[in-house]
Protein backbone atom coordinates (compact mmCIF):
# COMPACT_ATOMS: atom_id res chain seq x y z
CA MET A 1 36.46 -57.78 -2.47
CA PRO A 2 32.59 -58.74 -2.02
CA GLU A 3 32.92 -57.29 1.56
CA GLU A 4 34.41 -53.96 0.04
CA ARG A 5 31.82 -54.06 -2.70
CA ILE A 6 29.01 -54.46 -0.08
CA SER A 7 30.55 -51.50 1.92
CA THR A 8 30.70 -49.26 -0.85
CA LYS A 9 26.89 -49.89 -1.76
CA ASP A 10 25.89 -49.15 1.85
CA LYS A 11 27.80 -45.90 1.70
CA THR A 12 26.30 -44.78 -1.34
CA ARG A 13 22.86 -45.90 0.09
CA GLU A 14 23.64 -43.79 2.98
CA GLU A 15 24.36 -40.71 1.04
CA GLU A 16 21.34 -40.97 -0.97
CA VAL A 17 19.20 -41.40 2.29
CA ARG A 18 21.00 -38.47 3.86
CA SER A 19 20.81 -36.44 0.58
CA ARG A 20 16.84 -37.07 0.42
CA ARG A 21 16.43 -36.04 4.01
CA SER A 22 18.61 -32.90 3.48
CA LYS A 23 16.52 -31.88 0.39
CA ARG A 24 13.27 -32.50 2.40
CA LEU A 25 14.50 -30.22 5.25
CA LEU A 26 15.69 -27.51 2.91
CA LEU A 27 12.20 -27.63 1.31
CA ALA A 28 10.56 -27.42 4.83
CA VAL A 29 12.53 -24.10 5.48
CA LEU A 30 11.95 -22.47 2.27
CA ILE A 31 8.30 -23.46 2.63
CA SER A 32 7.71 -22.37 6.19
CA ALA A 33 9.31 -19.23 5.33
CA VAL A 34 7.19 -18.37 2.33
CA PHE A 35 4.15 -19.29 4.43
CA VAL A 36 5.05 -16.87 6.87
CA SER A 37 5.41 -13.86 4.78
CA VAL A 38 2.41 -14.66 2.83
CA LEU A 39 0.22 -15.16 6.20
CA ASN A 40 1.95 -11.90 7.32
CA SER A 41 0.39 -9.86 4.53
CA SER A 42 -2.74 -11.49 4.39
CA MET A 43 -3.53 -10.97 8.20
CA VAL A 44 -2.29 -7.50 8.01
CA ASN A 45 -4.86 -6.40 5.27
CA VAL A 46 -7.61 -7.66 7.41
CA VAL A 47 -6.83 -5.76 10.35
CA VAL A 48 -6.14 -2.18 8.61
CA PRO A 49 -9.52 -0.80 9.89
CA SER A 50 -8.91 -1.60 13.53
CA ILE A 51 -5.48 0.20 13.20
CA GLN A 52 -6.98 3.12 11.50
CA ALA A 53 -9.74 3.34 14.19
CA GLU A 54 -7.08 3.13 17.10
CA PHE A 55 -4.96 5.87 15.66
CA GLY A 56 -7.64 8.06 14.21
CA ALA A 57 -6.13 7.98 11.00
CA THR A 58 -7.57 8.76 7.58
CA GLU A 59 -7.90 6.13 4.75
CA GLY A 60 -4.85 7.63 2.74
CA GLN A 61 -2.84 7.62 5.97
CA VAL A 62 -3.41 4.09 7.20
CA GLY A 63 -3.11 2.93 3.43
CA TRP A 64 0.67 3.62 3.91
CA ILE A 65 0.88 0.37 6.04
CA ILE A 66 0.13 -1.66 2.50
CA THR A 67 1.68 0.84 0.37
CA GLY A 68 5.01 1.40 2.24
CA TYR A 69 5.49 -2.48 2.36
CA LEU A 70 4.72 -3.07 -1.24
CA LEU A 71 7.04 -0.39 -2.40
CA VAL A 72 9.90 -1.67 -0.46
CA TYR A 73 9.03 -5.36 -1.29
CA ALA A 74 9.26 -4.62 -5.02
CA VAL A 75 12.40 -2.87 -5.04
CA GLY A 76 14.11 -5.38 -2.62
CA ILE A 77 13.29 -8.44 -4.51
CA PRO A 78 15.72 -8.12 -7.56
CA LEU A 79 18.36 -6.80 -5.22
CA TYR A 80 18.34 -9.69 -2.95
CA GLY A 81 18.53 -11.94 -6.12
CA ARG A 82 21.74 -10.36 -7.59
CA VAL A 83 23.21 -10.56 -4.01
CA SER A 84 22.72 -14.11 -3.99
CA ASP A 85 24.70 -14.59 -6.94
CA LEU A 86 27.44 -12.63 -5.25
CA PHE A 87 27.58 -13.78 -1.66
CA SER A 88 26.31 -16.90 0.28
CA LEU A 89 22.79 -17.56 -0.28
CA ARG A 90 22.20 -19.11 3.10
CA ARG A 91 23.49 -15.95 5.00
CA THR A 92 21.79 -13.46 2.83
CA PHE A 93 18.54 -15.73 3.35
CA ALA A 94 19.12 -15.80 7.10
CA LEU A 95 19.63 -11.94 7.12
CA GLY A 96 16.35 -11.37 5.51
CA LEU A 97 14.52 -13.39 7.92
CA PHE A 98 16.09 -11.55 10.94
CA VAL A 99 15.46 -8.10 9.31
CA PHE A 100 11.77 -9.46 8.84
CA ALA A 101 11.85 -10.26 12.54
CA ALA A 102 13.25 -6.61 13.66
CA GLY A 103 10.24 -5.37 11.60
CA SER A 104 7.82 -7.46 13.30
CA LEU A 105 8.96 -6.31 16.69
CA PHE A 106 9.04 -2.79 15.65
CA CYS A 107 5.44 -3.03 14.17
CA ALA A 108 4.22 -4.86 17.54
CA LEU A 109 5.66 -2.01 19.86
CA ALA A 110 4.51 1.00 17.44
CA PRO A 111 3.11 3.90 19.54
CA ASN A 112 1.74 5.75 16.57
CA LEU A 113 0.93 5.03 12.73
CA LEU A 114 4.34 6.65 11.73
CA PHE A 115 6.42 4.33 13.73
CA LEU A 116 4.01 1.31 12.57
CA VAL A 117 4.81 2.30 8.96
CA LEU A 118 8.44 2.62 9.32
CA GLY A 119 8.14 -0.85 10.96
CA ARG A 120 6.34 -2.34 7.96
CA ILE A 121 9.11 -0.82 5.68
CA VAL A 122 11.74 -2.72 7.90
CA GLN A 123 9.44 -5.92 7.39
CA ALA A 124 9.57 -5.46 3.89
CA ALA A 125 13.26 -4.95 3.58
CA GLY A 126 13.36 -8.38 4.98
CA ALA A 127 10.50 -10.06 3.63
CA ALA A 128 11.68 -9.32 0.20
CA ALA A 129 14.42 -11.95 0.56
CA ILE A 130 12.22 -14.88 0.91
CA PRO A 131 10.48 -15.08 -2.31
CA ALA A 132 13.73 -14.06 -4.31
CA LEU A 133 15.85 -16.61 -2.33
CA ALA A 134 13.40 -19.56 -2.25
CA SER A 135 13.21 -19.75 -5.76
CA ALA A 136 17.04 -19.07 -6.44
CA SER A 137 17.69 -21.61 -3.69
CA VAL A 138 15.63 -24.47 -5.54
CA ALA A 139 17.29 -23.76 -8.77
CA LYS A 140 20.84 -23.67 -7.49
CA VAL A 141 20.70 -26.63 -4.98
CA LEU A 142 18.23 -29.14 -6.84
CA PRO A 143 18.78 -30.74 -10.41
CA PRO A 144 16.60 -29.64 -13.12
CA GLY A 145 14.38 -32.80 -13.03
CA GLU A 146 13.39 -31.98 -9.17
CA ARG A 147 13.02 -28.27 -9.40
CA GLY A 148 9.25 -28.01 -10.66
CA ALA A 149 7.98 -30.23 -7.81
CA ALA A 150 9.94 -28.07 -5.23
CA LEU A 151 8.56 -24.85 -6.73
CA GLY A 152 5.10 -26.23 -6.72
CA LEU A 153 5.34 -27.23 -3.01
CA ILE A 154 6.22 -23.53 -2.30
CA PHE A 155 3.84 -22.20 -4.04
CA SER A 156 1.31 -24.41 -2.51
CA SER A 157 2.17 -22.77 0.71
CA VAL A 158 1.34 -19.31 -0.86
CA GLY A 159 -2.14 -20.80 -1.46
CA LEU A 160 -2.38 -21.67 2.19
CA GLY A 161 -1.13 -18.53 3.73
CA ALA A 162 -3.72 -16.62 1.52
CA ALA A 163 -6.26 -18.73 2.61
CA ILE A 164 -5.62 -18.99 6.35
CA GLY A 165 -4.30 -15.46 6.95
CA PRO A 166 -7.74 -13.35 6.61
CA VAL A 167 -9.41 -15.97 8.96
CA LEU A 168 -6.65 -16.25 11.37
CA GLY A 169 -5.90 -12.36 11.47
CA GLY A 170 -9.58 -11.74 12.19
CA ALA A 171 -9.71 -14.40 15.11
CA VAL A 172 -6.37 -13.20 16.51
CA GLU A 173 -7.13 -9.29 16.44
CA SER A 174 -10.67 -9.92 17.99
CA LEU A 175 -9.00 -11.94 21.02
CA ALA A 176 -5.54 -9.96 21.63
CA GLY A 177 -5.49 -7.11 19.30
CA TRP A 178 -3.66 -6.45 16.02
CA GLN A 179 -0.22 -6.17 17.84
CA ALA A 180 -0.26 -10.02 18.56
CA LEU A 181 -0.26 -10.66 14.75
CA PHE A 182 3.28 -9.00 14.69
CA TYR A 183 4.53 -10.84 17.99
CA GLY A 184 3.49 -13.92 15.92
CA THR A 185 5.33 -13.35 13.15
CA LEU A 186 8.34 -12.31 15.20
CA LEU A 187 8.19 -15.45 16.70
CA LEU A 188 8.06 -17.69 13.64
CA ALA A 189 10.71 -15.81 11.90
CA LEU A 190 13.18 -16.00 14.82
CA VAL A 191 12.77 -19.99 14.66
CA LEU A 192 13.27 -19.87 11.23
CA VAL A 193 16.79 -18.05 11.33
CA PRO A 194 18.78 -20.57 13.39
CA VAL A 195 17.13 -23.22 11.30
CA ALA A 196 17.99 -21.69 7.89
CA LEU A 197 21.60 -21.10 8.84
CA TYR A 198 21.93 -24.77 9.89
CA GLU A 199 19.90 -26.37 6.90
CA LEU A 200 20.41 -24.05 3.78
CA PRO A 201 23.81 -25.11 1.94
CA GLU A 202 26.67 -22.65 1.84
CA THR A 203 26.51 -21.93 -2.05
CA GLU A 204 29.75 -20.89 -3.72
CA PRO A 205 29.78 -17.22 -3.87
CA SER A 206 31.10 -15.39 -7.02
CA LYS A 207 34.70 -14.78 -7.29
CA ASP A 208 33.85 -11.36 -8.90
CA ARG A 209 31.91 -9.71 -6.11
CA THR A 210 31.60 -6.27 -8.23
CA PHE A 211 28.07 -5.13 -7.07
CA ASP A 212 26.55 -2.33 -9.65
CA LEU A 213 24.89 -0.38 -7.08
CA LEU A 214 23.63 2.58 -9.48
CA GLY A 215 22.11 -0.37 -11.80
CA GLY A 216 20.52 -1.88 -8.70
CA ILE A 217 19.16 1.55 -7.50
CA LEU A 218 17.94 2.49 -11.06
CA LEU A 219 16.06 -0.80 -11.18
CA GLY A 220 14.49 -0.54 -7.86
CA LEU A 221 13.58 3.38 -8.74
CA ALA A 222 11.80 1.95 -12.02
CA ALA A 223 9.81 -0.68 -10.10
CA GLY A 224 9.16 1.24 -7.02
CA LEU A 225 7.95 4.55 -8.50
CA PHE A 226 5.62 2.47 -10.85
CA LEU A 227 3.96 0.75 -8.16
CA PHE A 228 3.73 4.28 -6.20
CA GLY A 229 2.45 5.73 -9.46
CA ILE A 230 -0.36 2.84 -9.34
CA THR A 231 -1.18 3.54 -5.59
CA GLN A 232 -1.45 7.10 -6.12
CA GLY A 233 -3.95 6.48 -9.19
CA GLN A 234 -6.24 4.61 -6.94
CA VAL A 235 -6.02 7.47 -4.37
CA ALA A 236 -5.74 10.79 -6.37
CA GLY A 237 -6.80 9.65 -9.94
CA PHE A 238 -4.55 8.73 -12.60
CA SER A 239 -4.60 12.40 -13.81
CA SER A 240 -3.01 13.57 -10.56
CA VAL A 241 0.49 15.14 -10.61
CA THR A 242 1.85 12.64 -7.98
CA SER A 243 0.56 9.51 -10.34
CA TRP A 244 1.68 10.69 -13.63
CA GLY A 245 5.08 12.27 -12.20
CA SER A 246 5.74 8.81 -10.73
CA PHE A 247 5.20 7.15 -13.99
CA LEU A 248 7.43 9.47 -15.58
CA GLY A 249 10.17 8.77 -13.10
CA ALA A 250 9.61 5.23 -13.38
CA ALA A 251 10.00 5.55 -17.30
CA LEU A 252 13.23 7.61 -16.93
CA SER A 253 14.54 5.13 -14.34
CA ALA A 254 14.03 2.40 -16.79
CA VAL A 255 15.75 4.15 -19.57
CA GLY A 256 18.50 4.93 -17.06
CA PHE A 257 19.02 1.11 -16.28
CA THR A 258 18.78 0.09 -19.82
CA TRP A 259 21.80 2.57 -20.42
CA ARG A 260 23.51 1.42 -17.32
CA ILE A 261 23.72 -2.43 -18.34
CA THR A 262 24.92 -1.71 -21.76
CA SER A 263 27.62 0.70 -20.67
CA ALA A 264 28.92 -0.57 -17.34
CA SER A 265 31.86 -3.00 -17.18
CA HIS A 266 30.39 -4.97 -14.68
CA PRO A 267 26.64 -4.39 -14.92
CA PHE A 268 23.90 -5.44 -12.42
CA VAL A 269 22.60 -8.05 -14.98
CA SER A 270 23.69 -8.80 -18.45
CA PRO A 271 22.02 -7.16 -21.44
CA ALA A 272 21.47 -10.57 -22.64
CA LEU A 273 19.15 -11.77 -20.09
CA PHE A 274 16.45 -9.41 -21.65
CA LYS A 275 17.27 -10.90 -25.28
CA ASN A 276 16.56 -14.42 -23.80
CA THR A 277 12.98 -15.43 -25.33
CA GLY A 278 12.28 -18.01 -22.99
CA PHE A 279 12.81 -16.06 -19.85
CA VAL A 280 10.97 -13.02 -21.32
CA ALA A 281 8.14 -15.08 -22.27
CA ALA A 282 7.98 -16.64 -18.62
CA VAL A 283 8.15 -13.06 -17.22
CA VAL A 284 5.13 -11.94 -19.40
CA VAL A 285 3.34 -14.99 -18.20
CA GLY A 286 4.14 -14.45 -14.81
CA PHE A 287 3.24 -10.71 -14.47
CA PHE A 288 -0.01 -10.85 -16.35
CA SER A 289 -1.29 -14.00 -14.62
CA MET A 290 -0.61 -12.64 -11.44
CA LEU A 291 -2.67 -9.53 -12.43
CA ALA A 292 -5.47 -11.53 -13.30
CA ASN A 293 -5.32 -13.73 -10.01
CA VAL A 294 -4.98 -10.75 -7.73
CA SER A 295 -7.57 -8.74 -9.61
CA SER A 296 -10.10 -11.44 -9.13
CA LEU A 297 -9.43 -11.80 -5.37
CA VAL A 298 -9.92 -8.12 -5.08
CA PHE A 299 -13.22 -7.85 -6.98
CA ILE A 300 -14.75 -10.95 -6.23
CA PRO A 301 -15.60 -9.96 -2.41
CA LEU A 302 -16.43 -6.29 -3.77
CA LEU A 303 -18.94 -8.08 -6.08
CA ILE A 304 -20.32 -10.00 -3.36
CA SER A 305 -20.53 -7.08 -0.86
CA SER A 306 -21.97 -4.41 -3.19
CA VAL A 307 -24.17 -6.38 -5.47
CA ASN A 308 -25.26 -9.48 -3.29
CA GLY A 309 -25.35 -7.39 -0.34
CA LEU A 310 -23.69 -10.03 1.51
CA SER A 311 -20.88 -10.10 4.40
CA SER A 312 -16.87 -10.42 4.15
CA GLY A 313 -17.51 -13.76 5.85
CA VAL A 314 -19.42 -14.84 2.72
CA ALA A 315 -16.99 -13.55 0.46
CA GLY A 316 -14.32 -15.24 2.28
CA LEU A 317 -16.12 -18.56 1.46
CA VAL A 318 -16.49 -17.87 -2.16
CA LEU A 319 -12.65 -17.46 -2.34
CA ALA A 320 -11.78 -20.26 -0.56
CA PRO A 321 -12.43 -23.28 -2.96
CA GLY A 322 -9.74 -21.33 -5.28
CA ALA A 323 -7.43 -21.11 -2.49
CA VAL A 324 -7.67 -24.82 -1.63
CA ALA A 325 -7.17 -25.85 -5.23
CA LEU A 326 -4.02 -23.65 -5.46
CA ALA A 327 -2.71 -25.15 -2.54
CA LEU A 328 -3.42 -28.89 -3.51
CA LEU A 329 -2.85 -28.61 -7.25
CA SER A 330 0.53 -26.42 -7.27
CA PRO A 331 2.79 -29.29 -6.40
CA LEU A 332 1.19 -31.61 -8.86
CA ALA A 333 1.48 -28.97 -11.69
CA GLY A 334 5.36 -28.48 -10.76
CA ARG A 335 5.97 -32.30 -10.97
CA LEU A 336 4.11 -32.29 -14.32
CA SER A 337 6.65 -29.51 -15.60
CA ASP A 338 9.50 -31.79 -14.52
CA ARG A 339 8.29 -34.32 -16.53
CA VAL A 340 6.81 -32.87 -19.82
CA GLY A 341 8.23 -29.34 -19.76
CA ALA A 342 6.80 -26.05 -18.85
CA ARG A 343 4.68 -24.86 -21.94
CA PRO A 344 2.20 -27.74 -21.67
CA PRO A 345 0.80 -27.01 -18.02
CA VAL A 346 1.21 -23.43 -18.44
CA PHE A 347 -0.92 -23.36 -21.71
CA ALA A 348 -3.63 -25.83 -19.86
CA GLY A 349 -3.82 -23.63 -16.83
CA LEU A 350 -4.16 -20.13 -18.69
CA LEU A 351 -6.81 -21.71 -20.62
CA ILE A 352 -8.64 -22.95 -17.51
CA MET A 353 -8.29 -19.15 -16.25
CA LEU A 354 -9.42 -17.80 -19.19
CA LEU A 355 -12.65 -20.13 -19.47
CA SER A 356 -13.41 -18.96 -15.79
CA MET A 357 -13.02 -15.69 -16.24
CA LEU A 358 -15.45 -15.81 -19.41
CA PHE A 359 -18.04 -18.10 -17.16
CA LEU A 360 -18.07 -15.21 -14.46
CA SER A 361 -18.34 -12.30 -17.14
CA THR A 362 -21.20 -14.35 -18.66
CA PHE A 363 -22.94 -16.11 -15.64
CA GLY A 364 -21.16 -14.92 -12.32
CA ALA A 365 -21.49 -11.18 -11.94
CA GLY A 366 -24.64 -10.59 -9.88
CA ALA A 367 -25.49 -14.27 -9.71
CA SER A 368 -25.74 -16.76 -6.58
CA PRO A 369 -22.44 -16.82 -4.65
CA VAL A 370 -22.46 -20.62 -5.40
CA VAL A 371 -21.96 -19.78 -9.08
CA VAL A 372 -19.27 -17.25 -8.38
CA SER A 373 -17.29 -19.74 -6.10
CA LEU A 374 -17.32 -22.23 -9.30
CA GLY A 375 -15.48 -19.56 -11.19
CA MET A 376 -13.18 -19.16 -8.38
CA LEU A 377 -12.42 -22.74 -8.36
CA GLY A 378 -11.64 -22.49 -11.91
CA MET A 379 -9.00 -19.30 -11.42
CA GLY A 380 -7.46 -21.40 -8.76
CA THR A 381 -6.93 -24.48 -10.47
CA GLY A 382 -5.67 -22.52 -13.38
CA PHE A 383 -3.22 -20.40 -11.68
CA ALA A 384 -1.90 -23.64 -9.73
CA PHE A 385 -1.02 -25.04 -13.22
CA ALA A 386 0.48 -21.75 -14.85
CA ASN A 387 2.27 -20.49 -12.00
CA SER A 388 5.15 -22.88 -10.51
CA PRO A 389 5.68 -24.25 -14.22
CA ALA A 390 6.20 -20.74 -15.17
CA THR A 391 9.01 -20.04 -12.66
CA ASN A 392 10.32 -23.24 -13.37
CA ALA A 393 10.68 -22.30 -17.09
CA ALA A 394 12.13 -18.85 -16.24
CA ALA A 395 14.81 -20.93 -13.96
CA ALA A 396 15.47 -23.14 -16.90
CA ALA A 397 16.01 -20.35 -19.23
CA LEU A 398 18.73 -18.71 -16.88
CA PRO A 399 22.72 -19.23 -16.95
CA ARG A 400 23.90 -20.61 -13.56
CA GLU A 401 25.61 -17.52 -12.88
CA GLU A 402 22.60 -15.28 -13.07
CA VAL A 403 19.86 -17.26 -11.41
CA GLY A 404 19.88 -15.44 -8.42
CA VAL A 405 19.18 -12.08 -10.11
CA GLY A 406 17.17 -13.66 -12.79
CA LEU A 407 14.44 -15.16 -10.74
CA GLY A 408 14.70 -11.80 -8.49
CA ILE A 409 13.66 -9.90 -11.52
CA TYR A 410 11.14 -12.47 -12.38
CA GLN A 411 9.43 -12.47 -8.99
CA GLY A 412 9.67 -8.59 -8.58
CA LEU A 413 7.63 -8.31 -11.89
CA PHE A 414 5.37 -10.92 -10.49
CA PHE A 415 4.36 -8.96 -7.44
CA LEU A 416 4.19 -6.01 -9.46
CA GLY A 417 1.43 -7.54 -11.55
CA GLY A 418 -0.07 -8.25 -8.56
CA GLY A 419 -0.14 -4.27 -7.32
CA THR A 420 -0.94 -3.32 -10.77
CA GLY A 421 -3.98 -5.31 -11.54
CA PRO A 422 -6.44 -4.15 -8.96
CA ALA A 423 -5.81 -0.23 -9.74
CA LEU A 424 -6.18 -0.59 -13.47
CA ILE A 425 -9.01 -3.15 -13.39
CA GLY A 426 -10.74 -0.94 -10.39
CA ALA A 427 -10.45 2.35 -12.78
CA PHE A 428 -12.04 0.59 -15.60
CA LEU A 429 -14.98 -0.70 -13.35
CA ALA A 430 -15.49 2.89 -12.02
CA ALA A 431 -15.70 4.18 -15.77
CA ARG A 432 -18.13 1.42 -16.75
CA ARG A 433 -20.16 2.09 -13.77
CA GLU A 434 -20.29 5.72 -14.38
CA ALA A 435 -21.38 4.97 -17.97
CA GLY A 436 -23.95 2.86 -16.90
CA THR A 437 -24.32 1.29 -20.59
CA GLU A 438 -25.36 -2.50 -21.25
CA ALA A 439 -22.45 -5.09 -20.85
CA PHE A 440 -19.77 -5.65 -23.62
CA ASN A 441 -20.33 -9.40 -23.26
CA PRO A 442 -23.51 -9.84 -25.46
CA LEU A 443 -24.32 -13.21 -23.53
CA TYR A 444 -24.68 -11.40 -20.34
CA SER A 445 -28.27 -10.70 -18.92
CA LEU A 446 -27.88 -9.95 -15.21
CA GLY A 447 -27.89 -6.58 -13.47
CA ALA A 448 -24.26 -6.03 -12.61
CA ALA A 449 -23.04 -5.10 -16.13
CA SER A 450 -19.73 -3.22 -14.89
CA PHE A 451 -18.52 -6.15 -13.12
CA SER A 452 -19.12 -8.49 -16.16
CA ASP A 453 -17.05 -5.97 -18.14
CA ALA A 454 -14.31 -5.84 -15.20
CA PHE A 455 -14.08 -9.65 -15.59
CA LEU A 456 -13.91 -9.29 -19.34
CA MET A 457 -10.92 -6.94 -18.89
CA ILE A 458 -8.99 -9.33 -16.43
CA GLY A 459 -9.78 -11.99 -19.30
CA VAL A 460 -7.73 -9.82 -21.71
CA ALA A 461 -4.72 -10.20 -19.27
CA ILE A 462 -4.99 -13.70 -19.39
CA LEU A 463 -4.92 -13.79 -23.14
CA ILE A 464 -1.79 -11.64 -23.19
CA SER A 465 -0.16 -14.46 -20.79
CA PHE A 466 -1.54 -17.13 -23.11
CA ALA A 467 0.30 -15.60 -26.21
CA ALA A 468 3.56 -15.37 -24.21
CA SER A 469 3.15 -19.01 -23.19
CA LEU A 470 3.54 -19.74 -27.04
CA LYS A 471 7.01 -18.73 -26.68
CA LEU A 472 7.97 -21.20 -23.82
CA GLU A 473 8.37 -24.09 -26.49
CA GLY A 474 11.86 -23.65 -26.96
CA ILE A 475 12.85 -23.82 -23.18
CA LYS A 476 14.49 -27.07 -22.35
CA ALA A 477 12.82 -28.96 -19.51
CA PHE A 478 16.18 -30.62 -18.48
CA PRO A 479 19.11 -28.01 -19.16
CA GLU A 480 22.47 -28.82 -17.71
CA PRO A 481 23.85 -26.76 -15.05
CA GLY A 482 24.94 -23.41 -16.22
CA SER A 483 23.79 -23.66 -19.63
CA PRO A 484 21.90 -20.61 -20.93
């Protein structure tokens, strides 16, 4: 009997060690995949001028390298989320990585701009699987008390990819040409495909594999047309037919999606999902906090170059403290949300972001780059504490059978916020610059009033997230699997 008891204990210990090792390898795959996808985007953004010069394209034409990618990316994320609820998560994730690799090869071999844009669209069709399924993998495989820490590590890789990408992209392009960037992502993606197939668990697919294709298309059209309207507003103005026509199409698609999920026998997603206060609150927090974060990342370099007259290299150094803070603090914020629930870290993070934007609006616009970098350090710190806990809150609010599609919708709107912010804040900045009036902020006394006002407007977006975070209070920190 004692020998049997010892043997049982040894087996239990071995199983625990094996389980911990498996979880570490799972996280390593997910973190690596997210890092590669973010690295790919941030590197390509840097080399767009070189591509424009090589192909002799206009700014509007070369802009489709970014726009085409973002449109397919926004449409694909919720679709992949739903597919992961119906089919094997492991195979779906590996398929996304393989399509991403194929798109990278297409881009590297592109003989002209048209083929390059098509390659970017194929890239996005695969890359959309990565954020949607990374979060879904964590929610489906790990117990509730471990999800926040894992999500924090994943978002840490986002900060690293965003920080390293521009520097690496510029260096590789200068040494070997922009095609080398796509060969690099091709190699990394191909390495991850067999590892993902080997390490990701085979989740049990749904017995009912009915896929509401019409509902998925309507949701994708609503997101894609909205983002296209935003990008056309940047290029041709928001009063242009292409811009407001796209917004009208997005609204009609959203109405059609609402009708479809309330009338179909097997809808793309249950209408109850949008009545789930905790989930909707997390989505609002994610959308507007991402809007604020990306807007600051876009307009701080513009401030440094146009007002301070400094190089893009200096602008990168100004952004670096915030990126480093995001990378280092995201895991801590995720673990904190596992222990105390999502609301306290989200609340604290948004408060830090708001104070940082008020600091930039009052003291940063037109000041020394050191002062601006302090403001961005606060933004990175605050975003780290708000980001992964908000995703953890969204996962905790979802029933198990809709974790994939729910987190797909969350991630889709999260990135949609990132695409919306620069266009809206940019239009506001241009209007304030043209007006030439004093800053709205009564405490501002420097010579870049339009930027001060733009930072104040970003603060309004953070306030909306702040208000939504109050509704996260009712979300359980440790729900049982399958509970709503």
